[in-house]
C-alpha atoms as a PDB file:
ATOM      1  CA  UNK A   1      82.396 108.051 103.671  1.00  0.00           C
ATOM      2  CA  UNK A   2      85.820 107.448 104.706  1.00  0.00           C
ATOM      3  CA  UNK A   3      86.993 108.543 108.136  1.00  0.00           C
ATOM      4  CA  UNK A   4      89.712 111.463 107.682  1.00  0.00           C
ATOM      5  CA  UNK A   5      91.019 111.031 111.016  1.00  0.00           C
ATOM      6  CA  UNK A   6      92.875 107.932 108.685  1.00  0.00           C
ATOM      7  CA  UNK A   7      92.261 109.212 104.736  1.00  0.00           C
ATOM      8  CA  UNK A   8      93.223 112.619 103.668  1.00  0.00           C
ATOM      9  CA  UNK A   9      90.741 113.703 100.460  1.00  0.00           C
ATOM     10  CA  UNK A  10      92.005 115.690  97.684  1.00  0.00           C
ATOM     11  CA  UNK A  11      89.504 117.601  95.492  1.00  0.00           C
ATOM     12  CA  UNK A  12      86.963 118.390  94.874  1.00  0.00           C
ATOM     13  CA  UNK A  13      86.917 117.856  91.519  1.00  0.00           C
ATOM     14  CA  UNK A  14      84.396 118.563  88.325  1.00  0.00           C
ATOM     15  CA  UNK A  15      82.442 115.602  86.442  1.00  0.00           C
ATOM     16  CA  UNK A  16      84.919 116.136  83.035  1.00  0.00           C
ATOM     17  CA  UNK A  17      88.164 116.172  85.237  1.00  0.00           C
ATOM     18  CA  UNK A  18      86.584 112.654  86.332  1.00  0.00           C
ATOM     19  CA  UNK A  19      85.798 111.386  83.090  1.00  0.00           C
ATOM     20  CA  UNK A  20      89.579 112.087  81.840  1.00  0.00           C
ATOM     21  CA  UNK A  21      91.062 110.565  85.102  1.00  0.00           C
ATOM     22  CA  UNK A  22      88.625 107.029  84.515  1.00  0.00           C
ATOM     23  CA  UNK A  23      88.823 107.165  80.631  1.00  0.00           C
ATOM     24  CA  UNK A  24      85.033 106.666  80.345  1.00  0.00           C
ATOM     25  CA  UNK A  25      82.760 109.002  78.620  1.00  0.00           C
ATOM     26  CA  UNK A  26      80.088 111.290  79.948  1.00  0.00           C
ATOM     27  CA  UNK A  27      76.590 110.735  79.099  1.00  0.00           C
ATOM     28  CA  UNK A  28      74.930 113.411  77.838  1.00  0.00           C
ATOM     29  CA  UNK A  29      72.705 114.010  80.511  1.00  0.00           C
ATOM     30  CA  UNK A  30      76.074 115.408  82.522  1.00  0.00           C
ATOM     31  CA  UNK A  31      76.863 118.634  83.380  1.00  0.00           C
ATOM     32  CA  UNK A  32      80.632 118.200  83.098  1.00  0.00           C
ATOM     33  CA  UNK A  33      81.189 121.154  85.422  1.00  0.00           C
ATOM     34  CA  UNK A  34      79.442 119.828  88.179  1.00  0.00           C
ATOM     35  CA  UNK A  35      82.005 119.041  91.242  1.00  0.00           C
ATOM     36  CA  UNK A  36      82.756 116.400  93.498  1.00  0.00           C
ATOM     37  CA  UNK A  37      83.869 115.712  96.716  1.00  0.00           C
ATOM     38  CA  UNK A  38      84.548 112.305  97.677  1.00  0.00           C
ATOM     39  CA  UNK A  39      84.135 108.542  96.477  1.00  0.00           C
ATOM     40  CA  UNK A  40      81.224 106.410  98.523  1.00  0.00           C
ATOM     41  CA  UNK A  41      79.483 102.938  97.334  1.00  0.00           C
ATOM     42  CA  UNK A  42      76.470 102.975  96.223  1.00  0.00           C
ATOM     43  CA  UNK A  43      74.047 102.548  99.477  1.00  0.00           C
ATOM     44  CA  UNK A  44      76.000 105.664 101.271  1.00  0.00           C
ATOM     45  CA  UNK A  45      76.004 108.363  98.819  1.00  0.00           C
ATOM     46  CA  UNK A  46      75.005 111.705  98.179  1.00  0.00           C
ATOM     47  CA  UNK A  47      75.216 114.477  95.505  1.00  0.00           C
ATOM     48  CA  UNK A  48      78.693 114.835  96.010  1.00  0.00           C
ATOM     49  CA  UNK A  49      79.833 111.394  95.828  1.00  0.00           C
ATOM     50  CA  UNK A  50      80.963 109.060  93.215  1.00  0.00           C
ATOM     51  CA  UNK A  51      80.248 105.647  92.883  1.00  0.00           C
ATOM     52  CA  UNK A  52      80.407 102.827  90.618  1.00  0.00           C
ATOM     53  CA  UNK A  53      78.380  99.702  89.438  1.00  0.00           C
ATOM     54  CA  UNK A  54      80.727  96.196  88.317  1.00  0.00           C
ATOM     55  CA  UNK A  55      78.240  93.905  89.742  1.00  0.00           C
ATOM     56  CA  UNK A  56      74.633  93.445  88.492  1.00  0.00           C
ATOM     57  CA  UNK A  57      74.010  92.025  92.092  1.00  0.00           C
ATOM     58  CA  UNK A  58      73.790  95.137  93.336  1.00  0.00           C
ATOM     59  CA  UNK A  59      71.381  96.610  90.432  1.00  0.00           C
ATOM     60  CA  UNK A  60      68.507  97.593  92.623  1.00  0.00           C
ATOM     61  CA  UNK A  61      71.558  99.044  94.838  1.00  0.00           C
ATOM     62  CA  UNK A  62      72.223 101.107  91.698  1.00  0.00           C
ATOM     63  CA  UNK A  63      68.941 102.256  90.877  1.00  0.00           C
ATOM     64  CA  UNK A  64      67.787 103.272  94.383  1.00  0.00           C
ATOM     65  CA  UNK A  65      71.119 105.263  95.154  1.00  0.00           C
ATOM     66  CA  UNK A  66      71.560 109.180  95.802  1.00  0.00           C
ATOM     67  CA  UNK A  67      75.419 109.061  94.297  1.00  0.00           C
ATOM     68  CA  UNK A  68      75.796 112.428  92.279  1.00  0.00           C
ATOM     69  CA  UNK A  69      77.492 110.357  89.537  1.00  0.00           C
ATOM     70  CA  UNK A  70      78.274 106.552  88.630  1.00  0.00           C
ATOM     71  CA  UNK A  71      80.695 104.787  87.048  1.00  0.00           C
ATOM     72  CA  UNK A  72      79.140 101.902  84.702  1.00  0.00           C
ATOM     73  CA  UNK A  73      78.658  99.633  81.824  1.00  0.00           C
ATOM     74  CA  UNK A  74      77.202 100.630  78.898  1.00  0.00           C
ATOM     75  CA  UNK A  75      74.169  98.202  79.393  1.00  0.00           C
ATOM     76  CA  UNK A  76      73.278  99.540  82.792  1.00  0.00           C
ATOM     77  CA  UNK A  77      72.821 103.125  81.448  1.00  0.00           C
ATOM     78  CA  UNK A  78      69.159 102.802  81.166  1.00  0.00           C
ATOM     79  CA  UNK A  79      68.713 101.444  84.637  1.00  0.00           C
ATOM     80  CA  UNK A  80      70.423 104.737  86.520  1.00  0.00           C
ATOM     81  CA  UNK A  81      67.716 106.998  88.574  1.00  0.00           C
ATOM     82  CA  UNK A  82      66.670 110.193  87.388  1.00  0.00           C
ATOM     83  CA  UNK A  83      69.025 113.026  87.986  1.00  0.00           C
ATOM     84  CA  UNK A  84      72.052 110.564  87.923  1.00  0.00           C
ATOM     85  CA  UNK A  85      75.647 111.604  86.065  1.00  0.00           C
ATOM     86  CA  UNK A  86      77.111 108.591  84.202  1.00  0.00           C
ATOM     87  CA  UNK A  87      80.393 107.613  83.501  1.00  0.00           C
ATOM     88  CA  UNK A  88      80.416 105.004  81.418  1.00  0.00           C
ATOM     89  CA  UNK A  89      83.252 102.439  80.518  1.00  0.00           C
ATOM     90  CA  UNK A  90      83.688  98.654  80.232  1.00  0.00           C
ATOM     91  CA  UNK A  91      86.034  98.129  82.870  1.00  0.00           C
ATOM     92  CA  UNK A  92      84.099 100.150  85.319  1.00  0.00           C
ATOM     93  CA  UNK A  93      86.162  98.987  88.170  1.00  0.00           C
ATOM     94  CA  UNK A  94      88.798  99.941  87.193  1.00  0.00           C
ATOM     95  CA  UNK A  95      87.373 103.497  86.313  1.00  0.00           C
ATOM     96  CA  UNK A  96      86.449 103.536  89.832  1.00  0.00           C
ATOM     97  CA  UNK A  97      90.089 102.420  91.029  1.00  0.00           C
ATOM     98  CA  UNK A  98      90.959 105.385  89.154  1.00  0.00           C
ATOM     99  CA  UNK A  99      88.765 108.006  90.244  1.00  0.00           C
ATOM    100  CA  UNK A 100      89.914 107.031  93.790  1.00  0.00           C
ATOM    101  CA  UNK A 101      93.086 107.089  93.750  1.00  0.00           C
ATOM    102  CA  UNK A 102      92.958 110.786  92.684  1.00  0.00           C
ATOM    103  CA  UNK A 103      90.396 111.455  95.442  1.00  0.00           C
ATOM    104  CA  UNK A 104      93.344 109.213  97.665  1.00  0.00           C
ATOM    105  CA  UNK A 105      96.688 109.657  96.201  1.00  0.00           C
ATOM    106  CA  UNK A 106      99.597 107.415  97.958  1.00  0.00           C
ATOM    107  CA  UNK A 107     100.562 109.169 101.404  1.00  0.00           C
ATOM    108  CA  UNK A 108     104.448 109.465 101.100  1.00  0.00           C
ATOM    109  CA  UNK A 109     105.175 111.366 104.572  1.00  0.00           C
ATOM    110  CA  UNK A 110     107.835 113.546 104.952  1.00  0.00           C
ATOM    111  CA  UNK A 111     111.516 112.628 104.172  1.00  0.00           C
ATOM    112  CA  UNK A 112     114.038 112.246 107.176  1.00  0.00           C
ATOM    113  CA  UNK A 113     115.316 110.119 109.786  1.00  0.00           C
ATOM    114  CA  UNK A 114     113.979 109.504 113.318  1.00  0.00           C
ATOM    115  CA  UNK A 115     116.319 110.068 115.943  1.00  0.00           C
ATOM    116  CA  UNK A 116     115.978 106.072 117.166  1.00  0.00           C
ATOM    117  CA  UNK A 117     116.414 104.621 113.615  1.00  0.00           C
ATOM    118  CA  UNK A 118     120.210 103.124 113.191  1.00  0.00           C
ATOM    119  CA  UNK A 119     121.429 103.120 109.939  1.00  0.00           C
ATOM    120  CA  UNK A 120     124.764 101.616 108.996  1.00  0.00           C
ATOM    121  CA  UNK A 121     127.676 104.217 107.749  1.00  0.00           C
ATOM    122  CA  UNK A 122     128.242 102.224 104.453  1.00  0.00           C
ATOM    123  CA  UNK A 123     124.721 102.231 103.916  1.00  0.00           C
ATOM    124  CA  UNK A 124     123.156 103.903 100.586  1.00  0.00           C
ATOM    125  CA  UNK A 125     119.523 105.940 101.461  1.00  0.00           C
ATOM    126  CA  UNK A 126     118.118 107.900  98.389  1.00  0.00           C
ATOM    127  CA  UNK A 127     117.030 111.155  98.269  1.00  0.00           C
ATOM    128  CA  UNK A 128     113.527 112.044  99.845  1.00  0.00           C
ATOM    129  CA  UNK A 129     113.177 108.813 101.807  1.00  0.00           C
ATOM    130  CA  UNK A 130     111.795 108.337 105.671  1.00  0.00           C
ATOM    131  CA  UNK A 131     113.595 106.143 107.766  1.00  0.00           C
ATOM    132  CA  UNK A 132     111.164 105.042 111.001  1.00  0.00           C
ATOM    133  CA  UNK A 133     111.705 105.088 114.370  1.00  0.00           C
ATOM    134  CA  UNK A 134     113.508 102.040 115.500  1.00  0.00           C
ATOM    135  CA  UNK A 135     114.579 101.106 111.711  1.00  0.00           C
ATOM    136  CA  UNK A 136     117.521  99.360 111.548  1.00  0.00           C
ATOM    137  CA  UNK A 137     119.424  99.571 108.004  1.00  0.00           C
ATOM    138  CA  UNK A 138     122.633  97.338 107.826  1.00  0.00           C
ATOM    139  CA  UNK A 139     125.992  97.405 106.160  1.00  0.00           C
ATOM    140  CA  UNK A 140     126.096  97.555 102.270  1.00  0.00           C
ATOM    141  CA  UNK A 141     122.184  98.617 102.216  1.00  0.00           C
ATOM    142  CA  UNK A 142     120.982 100.560  99.107  1.00  0.00           C
ATOM    143  CA  UNK A 143     118.110 102.384  99.442  1.00  0.00           C
ATOM    144  CA  UNK A 144     116.300 104.100  96.305  1.00  0.00           C
ATOM    145  CA  UNK A 145     114.977 107.105  96.254  1.00  0.00           C
ATOM    146  CA  UNK A 146     111.578 108.226  97.418  1.00  0.00           C
ATOM    147  CA  UNK A 147     110.998 105.297 100.013  1.00  0.00           C
ATOM    148  CA  UNK A 148     109.520 104.834 103.064  1.00  0.00           C
ATOM    149  CA  UNK A 149     110.982 102.287 105.783  1.00  0.00           C
ATOM    150  CA  UNK A 150     108.244 101.691 108.626  1.00  0.00           C
ATOM    151  CA  UNK A 151     108.819 101.723 112.160  1.00  0.00           C
ATOM    152  CA  UNK A 152     110.909  98.629 113.388  1.00  0.00           C
ATOM    153  CA  UNK A 153     111.723  97.098 110.418  1.00  0.00           C
ATOM    154  CA  UNK A 154     115.298  95.757 109.648  1.00  0.00           C
ATOM    155  CA  UNK A 155     117.003  95.726 106.093  1.00  0.00           C
ATOM    156  CA  UNK A 156     119.457  93.339 106.730  1.00  0.00           C
ATOM    157  CA  UNK A 157     123.305  93.713 105.093  1.00  0.00           C
ATOM    158  CA  UNK A 158     123.656  93.755 101.330  1.00  0.00           C
ATOM    159  CA  UNK A 159     119.673  94.370 100.051  1.00  0.00           C
ATOM    160  CA  UNK A 160     118.938  96.900  97.503  1.00  0.00           C
ATOM    161  CA  UNK A 161     115.764  98.112  97.292  1.00  0.00           C
ATOM    162  CA  UNK A 162     114.401 100.570  93.895  1.00  0.00           C
ATOM    163  CA  UNK A 163     112.728 103.825  93.811  1.00  0.00           C
ATOM    164  CA  UNK A 164     109.570 105.000  95.039  1.00  0.00           C
ATOM    165  CA  UNK A 165     108.653 101.716  97.615  1.00  0.00           C
ATOM    166  CA  UNK A 166     106.855 101.389 100.475  1.00  0.00           C
ATOM    167  CA  UNK A 167     108.624  98.916 103.333  1.00  0.00           C
ATOM    168  CA  UNK A 168     105.769  98.510 106.449  1.00  0.00           C
ATOM    169  CA  UNK A 169     106.590  98.483 109.788  1.00  0.00           C
ATOM    170  CA  UNK A 170     107.628  95.348 111.794  1.00  0.00           C
ATOM    171  CA  UNK A 171     108.691  93.780 108.211  1.00  0.00           C
ATOM    172  CA  UNK A 172     112.513  92.185 107.876  1.00  0.00           C
ATOM    173  CA  UNK A 173     114.060  91.679 105.278  1.00  0.00           C
ATOM    174  CA  UNK A 174     117.359  89.865 104.002  1.00  0.00           C
ATOM    175  CA  UNK A 175     119.660  88.322 101.050  1.00  0.00           C
ATOM    176  CA  UNK A 176     116.570  90.027  98.378  1.00  0.00           C
ATOM    177  CA  UNK A 177     116.661  92.682  95.559  1.00  0.00           C
ATOM    178  CA  UNK A 178     113.370  94.349  95.703  1.00  0.00           C
ATOM    179  CA  UNK A 179     112.676  96.685  92.424  1.00  0.00           C
ATOM    180  CA  UNK A 180     110.643  99.776  91.849  1.00  0.00           C
ATOM    181  CA  UNK A 181     107.535 100.842  93.308  1.00  0.00           C
ATOM    182  CA  UNK A 182     106.903  97.548  95.312  1.00  0.00           C
ATOM    183  CA  UNK A 183     105.017  97.960  98.509  1.00  0.00           C
ATOM    184  CA  UNK A 184     105.507  95.656 101.663  1.00  0.00           C
ATOM    185  CA  UNK A 185     103.292  95.262 104.129  1.00  0.00           C
ATOM    186  CA  UNK A 186     103.274  95.173 108.122  1.00  0.00           C
ATOM    187  CA  UNK A 187     104.999  91.996 109.260  1.00  0.00           C
ATOM    188  CA  UNK A 188     106.330  90.674 105.909  1.00  0.00           C
ATOM    189  CA  UNK A 189     109.207  88.275 106.041  1.00  0.00           C
ATOM    190  CA  UNK A 190     111.653  87.950 103.458  1.00  0.00           C
ATOM    191  CA  UNK A 191     114.822  85.935 102.471  1.00  0.00           C
ATOM    192  CA  UNK A 192     114.587  83.661 105.646  1.00  0.00           C
ATOM    193  CA  UNK A 193     116.350  80.271 105.515  1.00  0.00           C
ATOM    194  CA  UNK A 194     114.289  77.598 103.203  1.00  0.00           C
ATOM    195  CA  UNK A 195     112.451  74.348 104.402  1.00  0.00           C
ATOM    196  CA  UNK A 196     115.681  72.551 103.532  1.00  0.00           C
ATOM    197  CA  UNK A 197     117.095  69.552 105.222  1.00  0.00           C
ATOM    198  CA  UNK A 198     118.615  66.402 104.324  1.00  0.00           C
ATOM    199  CA  UNK A 199     116.107  63.780 105.935  1.00  0.00           C
ATOM    200  CA  UNK A 200     117.979  60.733 107.236  1.00  0.00           C
ATOM    201  CA  UNK A 201     117.673  57.713 110.309  1.00  0.00           C
ATOM    202  CA  UNK A 202     119.624  59.807 112.602  1.00  0.00           C
ATOM    203  CA  UNK A 203     118.297  62.446 112.223  1.00  0.00           C
ATOM    204  CA  UNK A 204     117.944  65.948 109.796  1.00  0.00           C
ATOM    205  CA  UNK A 205     120.788  67.498 108.532  1.00  0.00           C
ATOM    206  CA  UNK A 206     120.360  71.643 107.520  1.00  0.00           C
ATOM    207  CA  UNK A 207     121.290  72.136 103.993  1.00  0.00           C
ATOM    208  CA  UNK A 208     122.783  75.749 103.696  1.00  0.00           C
ATOM    209  CA  UNK A 209     120.432  78.287 101.807  1.00  0.00           C
ATOM    210  CA  UNK A 210     122.771  80.213  99.403  1.00  0.00           C
ATOM    211  CA  UNK A 211     119.850  81.941  97.245  1.00  0.00           C
ATOM    212  CA  UNK A 212     118.366  85.094  97.430  1.00  0.00           C
ATOM    213  CA  UNK A 213     114.671  87.092  96.626  1.00  0.00           C
ATOM    214  CA  UNK A 214     114.158  88.850  93.462  1.00  0.00           C
ATOM    215  CA  UNK A 215     111.527  90.797  94.050  1.00  0.00           C
ATOM    216  CA  UNK A 216     110.472  93.144  90.644  1.00  0.00           C
ATOM    217  CA  UNK A 217     109.013  96.190  89.712  1.00  0.00           C
ATOM    218  CA  UNK A 218     105.148  96.816  91.401  1.00  0.00           C
ATOM    219  CA  UNK A 219     105.093  93.769  93.333  1.00  0.00           C
ATOM    220  CA  UNK A 220     103.000  94.114  96.406  1.00  0.00           C
ATOM    221  CA  UNK A 221     102.946  92.118  99.326  1.00  0.00           C
ATOM    222  CA  UNK A 222     100.477  91.502 102.180  1.00  0.00           C
ATOM    223  CA  UNK A 223     100.954  91.337 105.879  1.00  0.00           C
ATOM    224  CA  UNK A 224     102.413  88.864 107.438  1.00  0.00           C
ATOM    225  CA  UNK A 225     102.877  86.959 104.839  1.00  0.00           C
ATOM    226  CA  UNK A 226     106.829  85.096 104.441  1.00  0.00           C
ATOM    227  CA  UNK A 227     109.164  84.172 101.194  1.00  0.00           C
ATOM    228  CA  UNK A 228     112.029  81.898 101.944  1.00  0.00           C
ATOM    229  CA  UNK A 229     115.257  82.664  99.769  1.00  0.00           C
ATOM    230  CA  UNK A 230     116.503  80.027  97.989  1.00  0.00           C
ATOM    231  CA  UNK A 231     118.813  76.999  98.008  1.00  0.00           C
ATOM    232  CA  UNK A 232     120.859  78.428  95.557  1.00  0.00           C
ATOM    233  CA  UNK A 233     118.927  79.387  92.343  1.00  0.00           C
ATOM    234  CA  UNK A 234     116.504  82.003  93.366  1.00  0.00           C
ATOM    235  CA  UNK A 235     113.377  82.940  94.736  1.00  0.00           C
ATOM    236  CA  UNK A 236     111.901  85.090  91.796  1.00  0.00           C
ATOM    237  CA  UNK A 237     108.302  87.267  92.578  1.00  0.00           C
ATOM    238  CA  UNK A 238     107.643  88.590  88.717  1.00  0.00           C
ATOM    239  CA  UNK A 239     106.386  92.228  88.598  1.00  0.00           C
ATOM    240  CA  UNK A 240     103.125  93.118  89.031  1.00  0.00           C
ATOM    241  CA  UNK A 241     102.758  90.298  90.964  1.00  0.00           C
ATOM    242  CA  UNK A 242     100.097  90.876  94.439  1.00  0.00           C
ATOM    243  CA  UNK A 243     100.135  88.532  97.158  1.00  0.00           C
ATOM    244  CA  UNK A 244      97.491  88.757 100.282  1.00  0.00           C
ATOM    245  CA  UNK A 245      98.221  88.683 103.668  1.00  0.00           C
ATOM    246  CA  UNK A 246      99.351  85.416 105.406  1.00  0.00           C
ATOM    247  CA  UNK A 247     100.986  83.700 102.307  1.00  0.00           C
ATOM    248  CA  UNK A 248     103.683  80.602 102.231  1.00  0.00           C
ATOM    249  CA  UNK A 249     106.053  80.890  99.589  1.00  0.00           C
ATOM    250  CA  UNK A 250     108.904  78.202  99.514  1.00  0.00           C
ATOM    251  CA  UNK A 251     112.571  77.920  98.435  1.00  0.00           C
ATOM    252  CA  UNK A 252     113.264  78.387  94.424  1.00  0.00           C
ATOM    253  CA  UNK A 253     109.949  79.487  93.819  1.00  0.00           C
ATOM    254  CA  UNK A 254     109.488  81.110  91.140  1.00  0.00           C
ATOM    255  CA  UNK A 255     106.460  83.561  90.418  1.00  0.00           C
ATOM    256  CA  UNK A 256     105.649  84.900  86.571  1.00  0.00           C
ATOM    257  CA  UNK A 257     104.416  88.800  85.947  1.00  0.00           C
ATOM    258  CA  UNK A 258     101.206  89.223  87.407  1.00  0.00           C
ATOM    259  CA  UNK A 259     100.306  86.260  89.642  1.00  0.00           C
ATOM    260  CA  UNK A 260      97.579  87.234  92.015  1.00  0.00           C
ATOM    261  CA  UNK A 261      98.003  85.170  94.756  1.00  0.00           C
ATOM    262  CA  UNK A 262      95.311  85.136  97.902  1.00  0.00           C
ATOM    263  CA  UNK A 263      95.535  84.442 101.552  1.00  0.00           C
ATOM    264  CA  UNK A 264      96.681  81.690 103.342  1.00  0.00           C
ATOM    265  CA  UNK A 265      98.175  80.178  99.876  1.00  0.00           C
ATOM    266  CA  UNK A 266     100.953  77.769 100.661  1.00  0.00           C
ATOM    267  CA  UNK A 267     103.476  77.247  97.663  1.00  0.00           C
ATOM    268  CA  UNK A 268     106.004  74.482  97.990  1.00  0.00           C
ATOM    269  CA  UNK A 269     109.941  74.495  97.074  1.00  0.00           C
ATOM    270  CA  UNK A 270     110.418  74.814  93.315  1.00  0.00           C
ATOM    271  CA  UNK A 271     107.787  75.231  92.143  1.00  0.00           C
ATOM    272  CA  UNK A 272     107.287  77.128  88.665  1.00  0.00           C
ATOM    273  CA  UNK A 273     104.154  79.645  88.300  1.00  0.00           C
ATOM    274  CA  UNK A 274     103.930  81.041  84.815  1.00  0.00           C
ATOM    275  CA  UNK A 275     102.186  84.528  84.291  1.00  0.00           C
ATOM    276  CA  UNK A 276      98.674  85.693  85.068  1.00  0.00           C
ATOM    277  CA  UNK A 277      98.124  82.892  87.181  1.00  0.00           C
ATOM    278  CA  UNK A 278      95.358  82.932  89.651  1.00  0.00           C
ATOM    279  CA  UNK A 279      95.479  81.066  93.095  1.00  0.00           C
ATOM    280  CA  UNK A 280      92.457  81.243  95.368  1.00  0.00           C
ATOM    281  CA  UNK A 281      92.961  81.850  99.330  1.00  0.00           C
ATOM    282  CA  UNK A 282      94.312  78.112 101.146  1.00  0.00           C
ATOM    283  CA  UNK A 283      94.971  76.569  97.711  1.00  0.00           C
ATOM    284  CA  UNK A 284      98.480  74.391  98.449  1.00  0.00           C
ATOM    285  CA  UNK A 285     101.019  73.993  95.695  1.00  0.00           C
ATOM    286  CA  UNK A 286     103.146  70.831  96.391  1.00  0.00           C
ATOM    287  CA  UNK A 287     106.801  71.128  95.123  1.00  0.00           C
ATOM    288  CA  UNK A 288     108.583  71.099  91.907  1.00  0.00           C
ATOM    289  CA  UNK A 289     105.432  71.465  89.941  1.00  0.00           C
ATOM    290  CA  UNK A 290     105.169  73.841  86.882  1.00  0.00           C
ATOM    291  CA  UNK A 291     101.798  75.864  86.340  1.00  0.00           C
ATOM    292  CA  UNK A 292     101.520  77.344  83.214  1.00  0.00           C
ATOM    293  CA  UNK A 293     100.421  81.130  82.012  1.00  0.00           C
ATOM    294  CA  UNK A 294      96.818  81.869  82.861  1.00  0.00           C
ATOM    295  CA  UNK A 295      96.254  78.824  85.034  1.00  0.00           C
ATOM    296  CA  UNK A 296      93.563  79.752  87.706  1.00  0.00           C
ATOM    297  CA  UNK A 297      93.156  77.818  90.979  1.00  0.00           C
ATOM    298  CA  UNK A 298      90.226  77.474  92.995  1.00  0.00           C
ATOM    299  CA  UNK A 299      90.117  77.914  96.787  1.00  0.00           C
ATOM    300  CA  UNK A 300      91.516  75.552  98.938  1.00  0.00           C
ATOM    301  CA  UNK A 301      92.434  73.454  96.253  1.00  0.00           C
ATOM    302  CA  UNK A 302      95.228  70.845  96.777  1.00  0.00           C
ATOM    303  CA  UNK A 303      97.346  70.981  93.567  1.00  0.00           C
ATOM    304  CA  UNK A 304      99.562  67.995  93.116  1.00  0.00           C
ATOM    305  CA  UNK A 305     100.546  67.698  89.401  1.00  0.00           C
ATOM    306  CA  UNK A 306     101.633  70.197  86.690  1.00  0.00           C
ATOM    307  CA  UNK A 307      98.822  72.431  84.938  1.00  0.00           C
ATOM    308  CA  UNK A 308      99.095  73.302  81.116  1.00  0.00           C
ATOM    309  CA  UNK A 309      98.578  77.287  80.629  1.00  0.00           C
ATOM    310  CA  UNK A 310      94.835  78.238  80.260  1.00  0.00           C
ATOM    311  CA  UNK A 311      93.469  75.672  82.755  1.00  0.00           C
ATOM    312  CA  UNK A 312      91.550  75.444  85.811  1.00  0.00           C
ATOM    313  CA  UNK A 313      91.214  73.653  88.624  1.00  0.00           C
ATOM    314  CA  UNK A 314      89.865  73.062  91.519  1.00  0.00           C
ATOM    315  CA  UNK A 315      89.349  70.381  94.773  1.00  0.00           C
ATOM    316  CA  UNK A 316      91.540  68.518  96.519  1.00  0.00           C
ATOM    317  CA  UNK A 317      93.846  66.380  95.119  1.00  0.00           C
ATOM    318  CA  UNK A 318      93.143  69.459  92.329  1.00  0.00           C
ATOM    319  CA  UNK A 319      91.097  68.070  89.037  1.00  0.00           C
ATOM    320  CA  UNK A 320      90.197  70.522  85.949  1.00  0.00           C
ATOM    321  CA  UNK A 321      87.282  72.420  87.061  1.00  0.00           C
ATOM    322  CA  UNK A 322      84.383  71.186  85.566  1.00  0.00           C
ATOM    323  CA  UNK A 323      85.107  67.679  86.136  1.00  0.00           C
ATOM    324  CA  UNK A 324      85.874  69.085  90.176  1.00  0.00           C
ATOM    325  CA  UNK A 325      82.664  70.684  89.990  1.00  0.00           C
ATOM    326  CA  UNK A 326      80.209  67.439  88.968  1.00  0.00           C
ATOM    327  CA  UNK A 327      81.831  64.944  91.435  1.00  0.00           C
ATOM    328  CA  UNK A 328      80.703  67.973  94.191  1.00  0.00           C
ATOM    329  CA  UNK A 329      76.891  67.481  92.184  1.00  0.00           C
ATOM    330  CA  UNK A 330      77.004  63.777  92.643  1.00  0.00           C
ATOM    331  CA  UNK A 331      78.333  63.541  96.087  1.00  0.00           C
ATOM    332  CA  UNK A 332      75.675  66.507  96.861  1.00  0.00           C
ATOM    333  CA  UNK A 333      72.841  64.267  95.401  1.00  0.00           C
ATOM    334  CA  UNK A 334      73.973  61.106  96.608  1.00  0.00           C
ATOM    335  CA  UNK A 335      73.467  62.426  99.767  1.00  0.00           C
ATOM    336  CA  UNK A 336      70.253  63.769  99.564  1.00  0.00           C
ATOM    337  CA  UNK A 337      69.108  59.996  98.567  1.00  0.00           C
ATOM    338  CA  UNK A 338      67.023  58.768 100.925  1.00  0.00           C
ATOM    339  CA  UNK A 339      67.598  54.959 102.086  1.00  0.00           C
END
């Protein structure tokens, strides 16, 4: 069960309400009036809890679970233990996510401004915002309605932030425009100088970075990630994109809509990613590349060439996924041969 010191639970909800929230169909054996008070993993759930099964690896835990209700695919209905109510849908994890959000809605703190916050007189703060202790809001900043600015966060001059944004503690935002619904976690750095130098035998001349970072709606950026501003063109993060912790995005990079960028990825300057691109952890992309829509890049890959839409690559240097796996298999077999 969740620790109530950190997470405030709502509810309870009836099985009928949970079916409506999740978009699932209630199996015939379930009583729509049954009340549930929380969500929980299969192994620790009890009769008042709702769980889910999305990965067949956990089929055995599902069959022995004591959960009162579970979100499952149609194919798993027959394997449910006796007495378990079933919420049946094609995407159980999505259904569970909606239920969990109902039990644990986003915690929007009480609006107000801490006494220790510093807000420039020319800044515009929207309605129902919370400005945390030690936060600094610079001149001509515009912040939309219902935003939360965490403790000791610094919002630089001229930054624009849309409605319903959550900016965590100790973040710094400069030279950027942020859309509505953004979640920017602790320690994120947005809009600092890109890594731009004119190299030469007598030293390296710093090139002014005169672009911005444009973050579209519903983007989430994980803790301690850094997004450099452009050199002249903007660095752009497309709507709905989700960025994990400790990610580095260089100047002039353009990410399309609904990309997923996992921890410790590095994207070099002026590389463009299409929509729905997925980057595994610690992947590295060289500069000035074009990565098409729907591309999947395996963890720890080193990408040095353009990738056509729909491509799947892995390895370093990155190669088509099947070729990479075939090479791994060959090396593995050779290493096991007797001399």
